[in-house]
Amino acid sequence: MKHNKRWLAWPMGLAVGLLNGFFGSGGGMVGVPMLRILGLETQESHATCIAVIAPLAAVSAGLYLYQQAFTLGDALLYLPGGLAGALAGAWLLPRLKTVWIRRGFGALILFAAARLLTR
C-alpha cells in the first residue's frame, strides 16, 4: 500500500462494510478498485478484498439471522456450490493473467449495472 494513501484505508473499509451489509457482499465491487487505488496489484487486491469481506459477511449474516431475515436451512442449500466456487476461484486467481481478471471483473460490474438499470 502506498504510504501517502494509507489514510484512505479506514473510509474505504467503512464503504466496503456498508455496501457488504446493505447489498450482501456487494462491497467487493467497490473494494477491489479501492485497493487498486491504494497501490495493490490486481491479484493482491482480489485476495485482500476477500479476506476483508469474509468476516464482514459473517457479521452481516449473524445480524440477519438474529433478525430472522432468513433461516440456516435456506442458506445451507447454497453452501456446497458456494464452497466449490470459492475453492475454484482461489485456485484460478493466481493462474490467470491480470488482464483477464480485470476484464472479467469489469464485465461482471457491467452485467450487474445493466441488471439493476433494467429491473
Protein backbone atom coordinates (compact mmCIF):
# COMPACT_ATOMS: atom_id res chain seq x y z
CA MET A 1 0.00 0.00 0.00
CA LYS A 2 1.31 3.42 -0.88
CA HIS A 3 2.14 5.28 2.31
CA ASN A 4 0.70 8.59 1.15
CA LYS A 5 -2.73 6.94 0.72
CA ARG A 6 -2.88 4.85 3.92
CA TRP A 7 -5.33 7.31 5.45
CA LEU A 8 -7.88 6.15 2.85
CA ALA A 9 -7.95 2.63 4.29
CA TRP A 10 -10.43 3.39 7.09
CA PRO A 11 -13.02 5.27 4.97
CA MET A 12 -12.68 2.67 2.21
CA GLY A 13 -13.20 -0.10 4.75
CA LEU A 14 -16.28 1.72 6.01
CA ALA A 15 -17.68 1.95 2.48
CA VAL A 16 -16.99 -1.74 1.79
CA GLY A 17 -18.57 -2.76 5.11
CA LEU A 18 -21.65 -0.63 4.49
CA LEU A 19 -22.11 -1.99 0.98
CA ASN A 20 -21.46 -5.53 2.18
CA GLY A 21 -24.10 -5.26 4.89
CA PHE A 22 -26.58 -3.47 2.69
CA PHE A 23 -26.22 -5.42 -0.57
CA GLY A 24 -24.89 -8.76 0.69
CA SER A 25 -21.18 -8.90 -0.13
CA GLY A 26 -21.53 -6.26 -2.82
CA GLY A 27 -18.65 -4.47 -1.15
CA GLY A 28 -16.21 -6.40 -3.32
CA MET A 29 -17.33 -4.44 -6.36
CA VAL A 30 -16.04 -1.32 -4.64
CA GLY A 31 -13.32 -2.87 -2.50
CA VAL A 32 -11.20 -4.22 -5.33
CA PRO A 33 -10.96 -0.91 -7.21
CA MET A 34 -10.29 0.87 -3.91
CA LEU A 35 -7.41 -1.46 -3.14
CA ARG A 36 -6.03 -0.86 -6.63
CA ILE A 37 -6.11 2.89 -5.91
CA LEU A 38 -4.12 2.20 -2.75
CA GLY A 39 -1.42 0.58 -4.88
CA LEU A 40 -2.08 -3.16 -4.57
CA GLU A 41 -1.67 -5.34 -7.65
CA THR A 42 -4.77 -6.90 -9.22
CA GLN A 43 -4.44 -10.38 -7.74
CA GLU A 44 -3.46 -8.99 -4.35
CA SER A 45 -6.46 -6.64 -4.45
CA HIS A 46 -8.88 -9.50 -5.10
CA ALA A 47 -7.38 -11.74 -2.42
CA THR A 48 -7.20 -8.94 0.16
CA CYS A 49 -10.78 -7.93 -0.56
CA ILE A 50 -11.96 -11.50 0.07
CA ALA A 51 -10.02 -11.57 3.34
CA VAL A 52 -11.74 -8.34 4.41
CA ILE A 53 -15.21 -9.33 3.22
CA ALA A 54 -15.23 -12.78 4.85
CA PRO A 55 -15.51 -11.51 8.43
CA LEU A 56 -17.83 -8.68 7.31
CA ALA A 57 -20.13 -11.20 5.65
CA ALA A 58 -20.09 -13.35 8.80
CA VAL A 59 -21.12 -10.38 10.95
CA SER A 60 -23.83 -9.34 8.48
CA ALA A 61 -25.14 -12.91 8.24
CA GLY A 62 -25.23 -13.16 12.04
CA LEU A 63 -27.24 -9.95 12.30
CA TYR A 64 -29.64 -11.00 9.54
CA LEU A 65 -30.05 -14.40 11.23
CA TYR A 66 -30.74 -12.66 14.54
CA GLN A 67 -33.38 -10.52 12.79
CA GLN A 68 -34.86 -13.74 11.34
CA ALA A 69 -34.41 -12.44 7.78
CA PHE A 70 -33.50 -15.99 6.65
CA THR A 71 -33.14 -19.49 8.04
CA LEU A 72 -29.97 -21.55 8.17
CA GLY A 73 -31.80 -24.30 6.26
CA ASP A 74 -32.35 -21.95 3.34
CA ALA A 75 -28.70 -20.84 3.35
CA LEU A 76 -27.34 -24.39 3.59
CA LEU A 77 -28.81 -25.21 0.18
CA TYR A 78 -26.30 -22.84 -1.43
CA LEU A 79 -23.28 -23.67 0.71
CA PRO A 80 -21.90 -26.70 -1.22
CA GLY A 81 -21.93 -24.85 -4.54
CA GLY A 82 -20.56 -21.71 -2.91
CA LEU A 83 -17.69 -23.61 -1.31
CA ALA A 84 -16.86 -25.33 -4.59
CA GLY A 85 -16.90 -21.97 -6.37
CA ALA A 86 -14.72 -20.38 -3.70
CA LEU A 87 -12.16 -23.17 -3.98
CA ALA A 88 -12.15 -22.94 -7.78
CA GLY A 89 -11.81 -19.15 -7.71
CA ALA A 90 -8.98 -19.20 -5.17
CA TRP A 91 -7.19 -21.85 -7.23
CA LEU A 92 -7.70 -19.95 -10.50
CA LEU A 93 -6.82 -16.43 -9.33
CA PRO A 94 -3.02 -16.87 -9.23
CA ARG A 95 -3.09 -18.78 -12.52
CA LEU A 96 -4.89 -16.15 -14.60
CA LYS A 97 -3.26 -13.23 -16.34
CA THR A 98 -4.06 -9.88 -14.80
CA VAL A 99 -5.68 -8.63 -17.99
CA TRP A 100 -8.26 -11.45 -17.88
CA ILE A 101 -9.00 -10.84 -14.21
CA ARG A 102 -9.62 -7.15 -14.92
CA ARG A 103 -11.77 -7.87 -17.98
CA GLY A 104 -13.81 -10.46 -16.14
CA PHE A 105 -14.31 -8.18 -13.16
CA GLY A 106 -15.25 -5.29 -15.45
CA ALA A 107 -17.74 -7.50 -17.33
CA LEU A 108 -19.29 -8.57 -14.03
CA ILE A 109 -19.69 -4.95 -12.94
CA LEU A 110 -21.26 -4.03 -16.30
CA PHE A 111 -23.61 -7.02 -16.12
CA ALA A 112 -24.66 -6.11 -12.57
CA ALA A 113 -25.22 -2.48 -13.60
CA ALA A 114 -27.32 -3.49 -16.60
CA ARG A 115 -29.46 -5.77 -14.47
CA LEU A 116 -30.02 -3.07 -11.89
CA LEU A 117 -30.91 -0.48 -14.52
CA THR A 118 -33.37 -2.75 -16.33
CA ARG A 119 -35.31 -4.00 -13.31
